[in-house]
Amino acid sequence: MATEQRQQGQEQSGGETPNPVQIQKFLGGLDYPVDKQAILGKAREQGADQRVMDALEQLPERAYDSPVSISREVSKLG
C-alpha cells in the first residue's frame, strides 16, 4: 500500500518523464506528419496533465511522421 501511494505521489508531483504510452493516449486523432505545435495543441485539447505537457514541450521543433517518432523523442528525455 505504501508503495502504491508513493507511485501515485510521483505521478501527481511530476517526478519523472511520462512513458510513451501515457503520452500517446492524449495524441489520438492526429493526422501525420505533425509539428510540435500540433502535438501540444492536441494534448492540451485532450486534457493532458502538466507532466505530459512538460515532456511534450521539450520535444525538438521538427515534423513527426508517426506516433513512433514522437515516442522515440520522448524516450530520449527520460
N, C-alpha and C. Protein backbone atom coordinates (compact mmCIF):
# COMPACT_ATOMS: atom_id res chain seq x y z
N MET A 1 0.82 -1.18 0.00
CA MET A 1 0.00 0.00 0.00
C MET A 1 0.87 1.26 0.00
N ALA A 2 1.92 1.28 0.81
CA ALA A 2 2.80 2.45 0.85
C ALA A 2 3.47 2.66 -0.50
N THR A 3 3.85 1.57 -1.17
CA THR A 3 4.47 1.69 -2.49
C THR A 3 3.49 2.30 -3.48
N GLU A 4 2.25 1.85 -3.43
CA GLU A 4 1.23 2.39 -4.33
C GLU A 4 1.03 3.88 -4.09
N GLN A 5 1.01 4.30 -2.84
CA GLN A 5 0.85 5.71 -2.52
C GLN A 5 2.04 6.52 -3.02
N ARG A 6 3.25 5.97 -2.88
CA ARG A 6 4.44 6.67 -3.39
C ARG A 6 4.36 6.83 -4.90
N GLN A 7 3.94 5.77 -5.60
CA GLN A 7 3.83 5.85 -7.04
C GLN A 7 2.81 6.89 -7.45
N GLN A 8 1.68 6.93 -6.78
CA GLN A 8 0.67 7.93 -7.10
C GLN A 8 1.22 9.32 -6.83
N GLY A 9 1.96 9.48 -5.76
CA GLY A 9 2.56 10.76 -5.43
C GLY A 9 3.53 11.22 -6.49
N GLN A 10 4.32 10.29 -7.01
CA GLN A 10 5.27 10.63 -8.08
C GLN A 10 4.51 11.07 -9.32
N GLU A 11 3.44 10.36 -9.66
CA GLU A 11 2.67 10.72 -10.84
C GLU A 11 2.07 12.10 -10.68
N GLN A 12 1.57 12.41 -9.51
CA GLN A 12 0.93 13.69 -9.30
C GLN A 12 1.95 14.82 -9.19
N SER A 13 3.11 14.54 -8.65
CA SER A 13 4.10 15.59 -8.46
C SER A 13 4.93 15.83 -9.71
N GLY A 14 4.85 14.93 -10.70
CA GLY A 14 5.61 15.11 -11.92
C GLY A 14 7.06 14.75 -11.77
N GLY A 15 7.38 13.76 -10.93
CA GLY A 15 8.74 13.41 -10.62
C GLY A 15 9.55 12.86 -11.76
N GLU A 16 8.92 12.24 -12.75
CA GLU A 16 9.69 11.64 -13.83
C GLU A 16 8.97 11.84 -15.15
N THR A 17 9.71 11.63 -16.24
CA THR A 17 9.13 11.77 -17.57
C THR A 17 8.08 10.69 -17.79
N PRO A 18 6.90 11.06 -18.28
CA PRO A 18 5.88 10.05 -18.55
C PRO A 18 6.34 9.10 -19.66
N ASN A 19 5.87 7.87 -19.60
CA ASN A 19 6.28 6.93 -20.65
C ASN A 19 5.48 7.21 -21.92
N PRO A 20 5.95 6.70 -23.05
CA PRO A 20 5.30 6.98 -24.33
C PRO A 20 3.82 6.58 -24.38
N VAL A 21 3.45 5.51 -23.71
CA VAL A 21 2.04 5.09 -23.70
C VAL A 21 1.18 6.14 -23.01
N GLN A 22 1.68 6.68 -21.90
CA GLN A 22 0.95 7.73 -21.18
C GLN A 22 0.76 8.95 -22.08
N ILE A 23 1.75 9.26 -22.86
CA ILE A 23 1.67 10.42 -23.74
C ILE A 23 0.75 10.15 -24.93
N GLN A 24 0.87 8.98 -25.54
CA GLN A 24 0.09 8.68 -26.74
C GLN A 24 -1.41 8.71 -26.50
N LYS A 25 -1.84 8.42 -25.27
CA LYS A 25 -3.29 8.43 -25.03
C LYS A 25 -3.89 9.82 -25.21
N PHE A 26 -3.04 10.86 -25.20
CA PHE A 26 -3.53 12.23 -25.41
C PHE A 26 -3.35 12.70 -26.85
N LEU A 27 -2.81 11.85 -27.71
CA LEU A 27 -2.49 12.28 -29.07
C LEU A 27 -3.31 11.57 -30.14
N GLY A 28 -4.33 10.83 -29.73
CA GLY A 28 -5.17 10.13 -30.69
C GLY A 28 -5.86 11.10 -31.64
N GLY A 29 -5.92 10.73 -32.91
CA GLY A 29 -6.61 11.55 -33.89
C GLY A 29 -5.74 12.54 -34.63
N LEU A 30 -4.44 12.55 -34.34
CA LEU A 30 -3.55 13.44 -35.09
C LEU A 30 -3.38 12.90 -36.50
N ASP A 31 -3.33 13.81 -37.47
CA ASP A 31 -3.06 13.44 -38.86
C ASP A 31 -1.59 13.74 -39.14
N TYR A 32 -0.81 12.68 -39.32
CA TYR A 32 0.63 12.82 -39.52
C TYR A 32 0.93 13.12 -40.97
N PRO A 33 2.03 13.83 -41.26
CA PRO A 33 3.00 14.37 -40.30
C PRO A 33 2.44 15.58 -39.54
N VAL A 34 2.99 15.78 -38.34
CA VAL A 34 2.59 16.90 -37.49
C VAL A 34 3.83 17.60 -36.95
N ASP A 35 3.66 18.86 -36.59
CA ASP A 35 4.77 19.57 -35.95
C ASP A 35 4.54 19.64 -34.45
N LYS A 36 5.50 20.17 -33.76
CA LYS A 36 5.44 20.24 -32.30
C LYS A 36 4.21 21.00 -31.82
N GLN A 37 3.87 22.09 -32.48
CA GLN A 37 2.73 22.90 -32.05
C GLN A 37 1.42 22.13 -32.18
N ALA A 38 1.28 21.32 -33.23
CA ALA A 38 0.08 20.50 -33.39
C ALA A 38 0.00 19.44 -32.29
N ILE A 39 1.14 18.89 -31.93
CA ILE A 39 1.20 17.89 -30.85
C ILE A 39 0.76 18.53 -29.53
N LEU A 40 1.32 19.70 -29.23
CA LEU A 40 0.97 20.39 -27.99
C LEU A 40 -0.51 20.77 -27.97
N GLY A 41 -1.02 21.24 -29.10
CA GLY A 41 -2.43 21.62 -29.17
C GLY A 41 -3.36 20.43 -28.94
N LYS A 42 -3.04 19.30 -29.56
CA LYS A 42 -3.87 18.10 -29.40
C LYS A 42 -3.83 17.61 -27.96
N ALA A 43 -2.65 17.58 -27.38
CA ALA A 43 -2.52 17.12 -25.99
C ALA A 43 -3.32 18.02 -25.05
N ARG A 44 -3.24 19.33 -25.26
CA ARG A 44 -3.98 20.28 -24.43
C ARG A 44 -5.49 20.05 -24.60
N GLU A 45 -5.91 19.88 -25.85
CA GLU A 45 -7.33 19.64 -26.18
C GLU A 45 -7.85 18.37 -25.51
N GLN A 46 -6.99 17.36 -25.41
CA GLN A 46 -7.38 16.08 -24.83
C GLN A 46 -7.23 16.04 -23.30
N GLY A 47 -6.81 17.15 -22.70
CA GLY A 47 -6.74 17.21 -21.24
C GLY A 47 -5.48 16.62 -20.63
N ALA A 48 -4.37 16.68 -21.36
CA ALA A 48 -3.11 16.16 -20.83
C ALA A 48 -2.72 16.89 -19.55
N ASP A 49 -2.18 16.13 -18.60
CA ASP A 49 -1.74 16.74 -17.34
C ASP A 49 -0.43 17.50 -17.55
N GLN A 50 -0.03 18.23 -16.54
CA GLN A 50 1.14 19.10 -16.65
C GLN A 50 2.42 18.33 -16.93
N ARG A 51 2.53 17.13 -16.37
CA ARG A 51 3.73 16.32 -16.58
C ARG A 51 3.87 15.94 -18.06
N VAL A 52 2.76 15.56 -18.68
CA VAL A 52 2.77 15.22 -20.11
C VAL A 52 3.09 16.47 -20.93
N MET A 53 2.45 17.58 -20.60
CA MET A 53 2.71 18.82 -21.34
C MET A 53 4.17 19.24 -21.22
N ASP A 54 4.73 19.13 -20.03
CA ASP A 54 6.14 19.49 -19.83
C ASP A 54 7.05 18.64 -20.71
N ALA A 55 6.76 17.35 -20.80
CA ALA A 55 7.57 16.46 -21.64
C ALA A 55 7.44 16.84 -23.11
N LEU A 56 6.21 17.08 -23.56
CA LEU A 56 5.99 17.43 -24.97
C LEU A 56 6.64 18.77 -25.32
N GLU A 57 6.66 19.68 -24.39
CA GLU A 57 7.29 20.98 -24.65
C GLU A 57 8.80 20.86 -24.85
N GLN A 58 9.38 19.76 -24.40
CA GLN A 58 10.82 19.53 -24.58
C GLN A 58 11.15 18.90 -25.93
N LEU A 59 10.14 18.50 -26.69
CA LEU A 59 10.40 17.90 -28.00
C LEU A 59 11.09 18.90 -28.91
N PRO A 60 12.00 18.42 -29.75
CA PRO A 60 12.61 19.31 -30.74
C PRO A 60 11.57 19.82 -31.74
N GLU A 61 11.78 21.03 -32.25
CA GLU A 61 10.91 21.60 -33.28
C GLU A 61 11.23 20.91 -34.60
N ARG A 62 10.35 20.03 -35.02
CA ARG A 62 10.51 19.34 -36.31
C ARG A 62 9.21 18.65 -36.65
N ALA A 63 9.14 18.04 -37.82
CA ALA A 63 7.96 17.27 -38.21
C ALA A 63 8.09 15.85 -37.67
N TYR A 64 6.97 15.32 -37.20
CA TYR A 64 6.90 13.94 -36.69
C TYR A 64 5.95 13.19 -37.61
N ASP A 65 6.45 12.06 -38.16
CA ASP A 65 5.66 11.36 -39.17
C ASP A 65 4.82 10.20 -38.64
N SER A 66 4.93 9.91 -37.34
CA SER A 66 4.15 8.81 -36.77
C SER A 66 4.18 8.90 -35.24
N PRO A 67 3.28 8.17 -34.58
CA PRO A 67 3.35 8.11 -33.12
C PRO A 67 4.70 7.57 -32.63
N VAL A 68 5.28 6.66 -33.39
CA VAL A 68 6.57 6.07 -33.00
C VAL A 68 7.65 7.15 -32.97
N SER A 69 7.64 8.07 -33.92
CA SER A 69 8.67 9.11 -33.94
C SER A 69 8.54 10.02 -32.71
N ILE A 70 7.32 10.27 -32.25
CA ILE A 70 7.13 11.05 -31.03
C ILE A 70 7.63 10.25 -29.83
N SER A 71 7.26 8.98 -29.78
CA SER A 71 7.68 8.13 -28.66
C SER A 71 9.19 8.03 -28.55
N ARG A 72 9.88 7.94 -29.69
CA ARG A 72 11.35 7.88 -29.68
C ARG A 72 11.94 9.13 -29.03
N GLU A 73 11.42 10.28 -29.41
CA GLU A 73 11.94 11.53 -28.83
C GLU A 73 11.64 11.61 -27.34
N VAL A 74 10.44 11.21 -26.94
CA VAL A 74 10.07 11.25 -25.52
C VAL A 74 10.99 10.33 -24.72
N SER A 75 11.30 9.16 -25.27
CA SER A 75 12.15 8.22 -24.53
C SER A 75 13.56 8.78 -24.33
N LYS A 76 14.01 9.68 -25.18
CA LYS A 76 15.33 10.30 -25.03
C LYS A 76 15.34 11.32 -23.89
N LEU A 77 14.18 11.81 -23.50
CA LEU A 77 14.09 12.84 -22.46
C LEU A 77 14.36 12.29 -21.08
N GLY A 78 13.98 11.02 -20.87
CA GLY A 78 13.92 10.41 -19.58
C GLY A 78 15.10 10.30 -18.76
